[in-house]
Structures are given as C-alpha cells and as structure tokens.
Amino acid sequence: MTESGTYIGETLALITAVVWALAVVCFKKSGEAVHPIGLNVFKNLLAVTLLVPTAWLLGETLFRPVPASEYLLLLLSGALGIGISDTLFFKSLNILGAGLSAIVDCLYSPFVILFSILLLNETLTVWQFVGVVMILSAVLSILVERHDLVADRRKVVLGIVWGALAMVTTAFGIVIIKPLLSRSPLIWATEVRLVGGLIVLIVVLVFMPSRWAVLKTVLTRKKWQFTVAGSMLGTYISMVLWLAGMKFTQASTAAALNQTSNIFVFIFAAFLLKEKITKVRLVAIALGIMGALVVTFGGGA
C-alpha cells in the first residue's frame, strides 16, 4: 500500500498477471499458425519499436554512459532469457496447451533460487526448500494423468522438457543481471535485453535453411489478430504494468501478485481455449502456486 493509503501498486501488479495470462492465450492461438521463432522475432521487434517513444515520454534515455561490459551482460541476458527462452516457451505452449504450461512455469522460482545460490552466494531457507518440493511435485503430477496413447505421453514429456528449459534460461538470464538491475533504469535495461534477444534470433535464422518459410508464417493472415494481440499484451503492455507495479509497492508483494498469472492462465485456458480441467490439474496448479508463494515469502525465514 502506498503512503496515501491506496493500493495502486498492488492493483497494477494484479492487472499485470491478468494481461500476461490473456497474452499466453493469444500466443497459444497464434502458435497454431506461426512458427515459435517467427513469433518471437515479431513480438520482440514490436516491443523494441514501442519502447523507444515510451522512454522518450518518460524522459529516459536508451543510451547510457556505462562500461561496455554492462551492455554485453544485458545483451547476453536477453539472448538467453528472451531469444532462446521465449522460443522454447512457445514450443512448450504449442505442445502442452496453456493450462499445463501454467503449471510448468512455476519452475521459474526454483531455478531463480538455484542460480542465486550458485552465482550470488544466496542461501536456501527451509521454507523455500518446501516450496521447491511443492512446485516439483506439481510439475511431476502432470505425468500421472491418463494418456490414451504412448505417443501422447511422450509429447507431454517433451513439452515439459521444453518448458523447463525455458524457465532455466529465463531464470539464469535474470540472475546474472540482478546486481546490475538494482542500479539501472528498467526501461533501458529491458530495451537492451530485447535487442540481445533479437540478435540471437537473427543469428539462428541466418543458419536455418527454412528461415524464409519461418518468417512467412508471421505474415500469414491466419491467426494474425492473435499474433498482434499477444505481442502487444505480453511484451509491451504487461512489461509497462509490471514496472509500474514494482514502483508503487514492495517488490515481494508485486512478485507474489504477478505469480497469480499462472492461475489466470489456467482459468482462461479452460474458458477461452476449452482445455479440459481434471482433478490432477487442479491439484497441480494449486500446489504450484502455493509453492511459488512459499518460495517468494520464505526467503526471510
């Protein structure tokens, strides 16, 4: 709560969760026609373009007199956490659907903790360990569901692997710049990271024999509205709302409210995408969300 007694930051953080959840639904629909790499290129180009006037309106600069090492670190972070991670996320989303992806995405918190321990000398509390176990149990419980064909189970396992790798690269990409973020304007850091994501995607496309076919999927009119809507909601609007939420309330509170996006994704997947809700999935999403909250607030235990 802010000094004026209002809940502006908390409200914005919660709206961020809803907006991101809607973006995931759009990305799922877009993924039916657009290649994951093509979708990632488009959303990043859109965000990079829109952030330029946004920075100008907010009186921020996109070029700061800092050591080249800081630019290189942010570019590496973007290459891993945006270029590679988001492509893997889209591949996982296409296989699992939005509902199951919401469960797998809860792995983000444990991987952040792991890399923080390895790279930042942070420690794991008992409560955080409990939260990690809850999240791992949630993800593994997906495999308990009955699948009609062996091939279906193999697809689910592959989708989980892609999703887990997406969370690994996202978490690593954030942790390596954590000290830098504390002293950097967030819009500047986000813009540089997005450029890093675009660079690695362009390099991948150069070596892809099917690069033109991949890019053509972005230009197809089929699912175009979902591609644009998902990119606007997920890469630009949610990012601006996230920054505002962090500004007007405590970071831990904002992070916990942001985590509720997994719940909204699960709900929207059922009502908008008509994905089935089973008892196993309900237990899994409950375990995953509670585990993420325990991890978030258990650090001071």
Protein backbone atom coordinates (compact mmCIF):
# COMPACT_ATOMS: atom_id res chain seq x y z
CA MET A 1 0.00 0.00 0.00
CA THR A 2 1.27 3.48 -0.82
CA GLU A 3 1.60 6.31 1.67
CA SER A 4 -1.73 7.76 0.52
CA GLY A 5 -3.45 4.59 1.66
CA THR A 6 -4.29 3.37 -1.85
CA TYR A 7 -3.39 0.05 -3.41
CA ILE A 8 -2.16 1.37 -6.77
CA GLY A 9 0.93 -0.86 -6.93
CA GLU A 10 -0.93 -3.98 -5.84
CA THR A 11 -3.72 -3.31 -8.35
CA LEU A 12 -1.25 -2.80 -11.20
CA ALA A 13 0.65 -5.98 -10.26
CA LEU A 14 -2.60 -7.97 -10.32
CA ILE A 15 -3.62 -6.41 -13.65
CA THR A 16 -0.18 -7.41 -14.98
CA ALA A 17 -0.96 -11.03 -14.11
CA VAL A 18 -4.31 -10.88 -15.94
CA VAL A 19 -2.81 -9.19 -19.01
CA TRP A 20 0.02 -11.74 -19.24
CA ALA A 21 -2.48 -14.59 -18.91
CA LEU A 22 -4.51 -13.19 -21.82
CA ALA A 23 -1.26 -12.86 -23.80
CA VAL A 24 -0.49 -16.55 -23.21
CA VAL A 25 -3.93 -17.49 -24.54
CA CYS A 26 -3.26 -15.36 -27.64
CA PHE A 27 0.19 -16.93 -28.07
CA LYS A 28 -1.39 -20.39 -27.92
CA LYS A 29 -3.83 -19.49 -30.70
CA SER A 30 -1.09 -17.78 -32.71
CA GLY A 31 1.15 -20.83 -32.33
CA GLU A 32 -1.35 -22.85 -34.36
CA ALA A 33 -0.17 -20.99 -37.47
CA VAL A 34 3.03 -19.12 -36.59
CA HIS A 35 6.43 -20.75 -36.02
CA PRO A 36 7.84 -20.18 -32.47
CA ILE A 37 10.94 -18.39 -33.80
CA GLY A 38 8.87 -16.20 -36.12
CA LEU A 39 6.51 -15.30 -33.28
CA ASN A 40 9.43 -14.45 -31.00
CA VAL A 41 11.04 -12.22 -33.65
CA PHE A 42 7.78 -10.36 -34.25
CA LYS A 43 6.93 -9.72 -30.60
CA ASN A 44 10.47 -8.51 -29.83
CA LEU A 45 10.58 -6.18 -32.83
CA LEU A 46 7.23 -4.72 -31.80
CA ALA A 47 8.36 -4.19 -28.21
CA VAL A 48 11.70 -2.63 -29.22
CA THR A 49 9.86 -0.21 -31.51
CA LEU A 50 7.26 0.78 -28.91
CA LEU A 51 9.77 1.22 -26.09
CA VAL A 52 11.59 4.00 -27.95
CA PRO A 53 8.70 6.52 -27.72
CA THR A 54 7.84 5.19 -24.25
CA ALA A 55 11.31 6.01 -22.98
CA TRP A 56 11.08 9.46 -24.56
CA LEU A 57 7.71 10.16 -22.93
CA LEU A 58 9.09 9.14 -19.55
CA GLY A 59 12.18 11.27 -20.02
CA GLU A 60 14.55 8.30 -20.08
CA THR A 61 17.47 7.69 -22.40
CA LEU A 62 18.22 4.46 -24.23
CA PHE A 63 21.94 5.20 -24.39
CA ARG A 64 23.76 5.41 -21.08
CA PRO A 65 27.46 6.21 -20.46
CA VAL A 66 28.24 2.91 -18.76
CA PRO A 67 31.03 0.37 -19.31
CA ALA A 68 30.66 -1.86 -22.37
CA SER A 69 30.62 -4.85 -20.04
CA GLU A 70 27.19 -3.78 -18.74
CA TYR A 71 25.77 -3.64 -22.26
CA LEU A 72 27.29 -7.04 -23.05
CA LEU A 73 25.84 -8.57 -19.88
CA LEU A 74 22.36 -7.26 -20.69
CA LEU A 75 22.66 -8.47 -24.28
CA LEU A 76 23.65 -11.94 -23.03
CA SER A 77 20.75 -11.87 -20.58
CA GLY A 78 18.35 -11.01 -23.41
CA ALA A 79 19.81 -13.65 -25.72
CA LEU A 80 19.19 -16.31 -23.08
CA GLY A 81 16.09 -15.02 -21.31
CA ILE A 82 14.20 -13.67 -24.33
CA GLY A 83 15.64 -15.00 -27.58
CA ILE A 84 16.13 -18.62 -26.51
CA SER A 85 13.76 -18.86 -23.54
CA ASP A 86 10.66 -17.42 -25.23
CA THR A 87 11.16 -19.65 -28.27
CA LEU A 88 11.33 -22.71 -26.00
CA PHE A 89 8.27 -21.44 -24.11
CA PHE A 90 6.27 -21.15 -27.34
CA LYS A 91 7.32 -24.70 -28.34
CA SER A 92 6.19 -25.99 -24.94
CA LEU A 93 2.95 -24.00 -25.11
CA ASN A 94 2.11 -25.45 -28.51
CA ILE A 95 2.53 -28.99 -27.14
CA LEU A 96 1.05 -28.74 -23.65
CA GLY A 97 -1.57 -26.06 -24.05
CA ALA A 98 -1.94 -23.03 -21.80
CA GLY A 99 -3.28 -24.90 -18.76
CA LEU A 100 -0.41 -27.36 -18.38
CA SER A 101 2.12 -24.66 -19.32
CA ALA A 102 0.91 -22.61 -16.35
CA ILE A 103 1.94 -25.49 -14.07
CA VAL A 104 5.36 -25.96 -15.67
CA ASP A 105 6.02 -22.20 -15.49
CA CYS A 106 6.01 -22.45 -11.68
CA LEU A 107 9.53 -23.91 -12.09
CA TYR A 108 10.79 -20.36 -12.62
CA SER A 109 11.08 -19.65 -8.87
CA PRO A 110 13.14 -22.76 -8.02
CA PHE A 111 15.57 -22.05 -10.85
CA VAL A 112 15.97 -18.43 -9.73
CA ILE A 113 16.82 -19.73 -6.25
CA LEU A 114 19.28 -22.29 -7.66
CA PHE A 115 21.19 -19.75 -9.73
CA SER A 116 21.09 -17.18 -6.91
CA ILE A 117 22.78 -19.73 -4.65
CA LEU A 118 25.39 -20.63 -7.28
CA LEU A 119 26.14 -17.14 -8.58
CA LEU A 120 25.13 -14.69 -5.87
CA ASN A 121 26.01 -16.71 -2.76
CA GLU A 122 22.43 -16.57 -1.51
CA THR A 123 21.14 -19.32 0.78
CA LEU A 124 18.12 -21.61 0.65
CA THR A 125 15.82 -21.50 3.67
CA VAL A 126 13.79 -24.44 4.93
CA TRP A 127 10.56 -22.85 3.75
CA GLN A 128 11.97 -22.20 0.30
CA PHE A 129 13.01 -25.85 0.10
CA VAL A 130 9.44 -26.85 1.00
CA GLY A 131 8.15 -24.53 -1.74
CA VAL A 132 10.52 -26.02 -4.31
CA VAL A 133 9.36 -29.55 -3.44
CA MET A 134 5.73 -28.45 -3.84
CA ILE A 135 6.46 -26.99 -7.28
CA LEU A 136 8.38 -30.06 -8.45
CA SER A 137 5.52 -32.26 -7.22
CA ALA A 138 3.07 -30.12 -9.18
CA VAL A 139 5.03 -30.50 -12.43
CA LEU A 140 5.62 -34.23 -11.99
CA SER A 141 1.94 -34.80 -11.23
CA ILE A 142 1.15 -33.88 -14.85
CA LEU A 143 2.61 -37.26 -15.84
CA VAL A 144 0.10 -39.02 -13.57
CA GLU A 145 -2.74 -38.04 -15.89
CA ARG A 146 -4.05 -40.80 -18.09
CA HIS A 147 -2.99 -40.51 -21.73
CA ASP A 148 -4.66 -42.62 -24.38
CA LEU A 149 -1.51 -43.28 -26.43
CA VAL A 150 2.16 -43.74 -25.60
CA ALA A 151 2.85 -41.02 -28.16
CA ASP A 152 0.68 -38.62 -26.14
CA ARG A 153 2.73 -39.26 -23.02
CA ARG A 154 5.94 -38.73 -24.97
CA LYS A 155 4.60 -35.39 -26.26
CA VAL A 156 3.73 -34.31 -22.73
CA VAL A 157 7.23 -35.21 -21.51
CA LEU A 158 8.75 -33.28 -24.44
CA GLY A 159 6.53 -30.29 -23.67
CA ILE A 160 7.62 -30.36 -20.02
CA VAL A 161 11.28 -30.53 -21.06
CA TRP A 162 10.91 -27.52 -23.39
CA GLY A 163 9.04 -25.62 -20.68
CA ALA A 164 11.62 -26.46 -18.01
CA LEU A 165 14.46 -25.37 -20.30
CA ALA A 166 12.58 -22.12 -20.93
CA MET A 167 12.41 -21.49 -17.18
CA VAL A 168 16.13 -22.39 -16.79
CA THR A 169 17.22 -19.86 -19.41
CA THR A 170 14.80 -17.21 -18.14
CA ALA A 171 15.99 -17.59 -14.55
CA PHE A 172 19.68 -17.65 -15.48
CA GLY A 173 19.23 -14.62 -17.72
CA ILE A 174 17.68 -12.64 -14.86
CA VAL A 175 20.03 -13.74 -12.08
CA ILE A 176 23.20 -12.80 -13.98
CA ILE A 177 22.00 -9.19 -14.22
CA LYS A 178 20.39 -8.93 -10.78
CA PRO A 179 23.15 -6.72 -9.32
CA LEU A 180 23.08 -4.56 -12.47
CA LEU A 181 19.29 -4.11 -12.37
CA SER A 182 19.44 -2.58 -8.90
CA ARG A 183 21.29 0.46 -10.29
CA SER A 184 19.86 0.68 -13.82
CA PRO A 185 16.70 2.25 -15.31
CA LEU A 186 14.39 -0.66 -16.07
CA ILE A 187 13.22 0.55 -19.49
CA TRP A 188 16.83 0.97 -20.66
CA ALA A 189 17.73 -2.49 -19.34
CA THR A 190 14.64 -4.02 -20.95
CA GLU A 191 15.36 -2.42 -24.32
CA VAL A 192 18.96 -3.68 -24.36
CA ARG A 193 17.79 -7.17 -23.35
CA LEU A 194 15.23 -7.18 -26.15
CA VAL A 195 17.96 -6.25 -28.62
CA GLY A 196 20.02 -9.16 -27.28
CA GLY A 197 17.07 -11.45 -27.86
CA LEU A 198 16.68 -10.22 -31.42
CA ILE A 199 20.39 -10.67 -32.18
CA VAL A 200 20.41 -14.34 -31.21
CA LEU A 201 17.19 -14.95 -33.17
CA ILE A 202 18.67 -13.31 -36.28
CA VAL A 203 21.81 -15.47 -35.96
CA VAL A 204 19.65 -18.60 -35.68
CA LEU A 205 17.62 -17.58 -38.72
CA VAL A 206 20.75 -16.98 -40.80
CA PHE A 207 21.77 -20.61 -40.30
CA MET A 208 18.25 -22.03 -40.77
CA PRO A 209 17.64 -23.44 -44.26
CA SER A 210 13.91 -22.84 -43.76
CA ARG A 211 14.27 -19.25 -42.50
CA TRP A 212 12.03 -17.72 -45.16
CA ALA A 213 9.33 -20.29 -44.53
CA VAL A 214 9.56 -19.49 -40.80
CA LEU A 215 9.22 -15.74 -41.38
CA LYS A 216 6.37 -16.26 -43.85
CA THR A 217 4.29 -17.80 -41.06
CA VAL A 218 4.35 -14.41 -39.30
CA LEU A 219 2.94 -12.69 -42.39
CA THR A 220 0.09 -15.14 -42.88
CA ARG A 221 -3.33 -13.67 -42.20
CA LYS A 222 -4.32 -16.82 -40.35
CA LYS A 223 -4.30 -16.10 -36.57
CA TRP A 224 -2.79 -12.65 -37.30
CA GLN A 225 -5.04 -10.98 -34.73
CA PHE A 226 -3.75 -13.31 -32.01
CA THR A 227 -0.12 -12.70 -33.01
CA VAL A 228 -0.52 -8.94 -32.73
CA ALA A 229 -2.67 -9.04 -29.58
CA GLY A 230 -0.34 -11.48 -27.80
CA SER A 231 2.73 -9.44 -28.72
CA MET A 232 1.15 -6.17 -27.54
CA LEU A 233 -0.21 -7.64 -24.32
CA GLY A 234 2.68 -9.92 -23.43
CA THR A 235 5.77 -8.00 -24.49
CA TYR A 236 4.81 -4.34 -24.14
CA ILE A 237 1.69 -3.65 -22.04
CA SER A 238 2.43 -6.25 -19.36
CA MET A 239 6.03 -5.04 -19.14
CA VAL A 240 4.98 -1.41 -18.57
CA LEU A 241 2.38 -2.50 -15.99
CA TRP A 242 4.98 -4.71 -14.30
CA LEU A 243 7.37 -1.78 -13.95
CA ALA A 244 4.60 0.43 -12.56
CA GLY A 245 3.55 -2.24 -10.07
CA MET A 246 7.13 -2.62 -8.86
CA LYS A 247 7.39 1.16 -8.47
CA PHE A 248 4.29 1.67 -6.34
CA THR A 249 4.51 -1.30 -3.97
CA GLN A 250 7.06 -3.60 -2.36
CA ALA A 251 8.88 -5.88 -4.79
CA SER A 252 7.96 -9.03 -2.86
CA THR A 253 4.27 -8.09 -2.88
CA ALA A 254 4.32 -7.30 -6.59
CA ALA A 255 6.17 -10.54 -7.35
CA ALA A 256 3.60 -12.60 -5.44
CA LEU A 257 0.70 -10.92 -7.25
CA ASN A 258 2.47 -11.35 -10.60
CA GLN A 259 2.74 -15.08 -9.83
CA THR A 260 -1.07 -15.32 -9.85
CA SER A 261 -0.83 -15.10 -13.64
CA ASN A 262 -0.49 -18.90 -13.57
CA ILE A 263 -3.94 -19.12 -12.01
CA PHE A 264 -5.44 -16.79 -14.60
CA VAL A 265 -3.75 -18.71 -17.44
CA PHE A 266 -5.26 -21.92 -16.07
CA ILE A 267 -8.74 -20.35 -15.87
CA PHE A 268 -8.57 -18.67 -19.28
CA ALA A 269 -7.30 -21.90 -20.84
CA ALA A 270 -10.44 -23.65 -19.63
CA PHE A 271 -12.97 -20.99 -20.61
CA LEU A 272 -11.40 -19.41 -23.70
CA LEU A 273 -9.45 -22.33 -25.18
CA LYS A 274 -11.82 -25.04 -23.90
CA GLU A 275 -8.93 -27.03 -22.42
CA LYS A 276 -10.10 -29.70 -20.02
CA ILE A 277 -9.86 -29.33 -16.25
CA THR A 278 -9.12 -32.52 -14.34
CA LYS A 279 -8.66 -33.21 -10.64
CA VAL A 280 -4.95 -33.82 -11.25
CA ARG A 281 -4.56 -30.46 -12.97
CA LEU A 282 -6.45 -28.64 -10.21
CA VAL A 283 -4.22 -30.20 -7.56
CA ALA A 284 -1.12 -29.44 -9.66
CA ILE A 285 -1.92 -25.75 -10.19
CA ALA A 286 -2.80 -25.33 -6.51
CA LEU A 287 0.48 -26.98 -5.47
CA GLY A 288 2.47 -24.94 -7.97
CA ILE A 289 1.01 -21.58 -6.95
CA MET A 290 1.29 -22.27 -3.22
CA GLY A 291 4.84 -23.47 -3.74
CA ALA A 292 5.72 -20.31 -5.66
CA LEU A 293 4.28 -18.15 -2.87
CA VAL A 294 6.17 -20.11 -0.19
CA VAL A 295 9.38 -19.66 -2.20
CA THR A 296 8.68 -15.92 -2.59
CA PHE A 297 7.97 -15.20 1.06
CA GLY A 298 10.13 -17.93 2.62
CA GLY A 299 13.41 -16.18 1.95
CA GLY A 300 13.39 -14.38 5.28
CA ALA A 301 12.62 -17.46 7.34
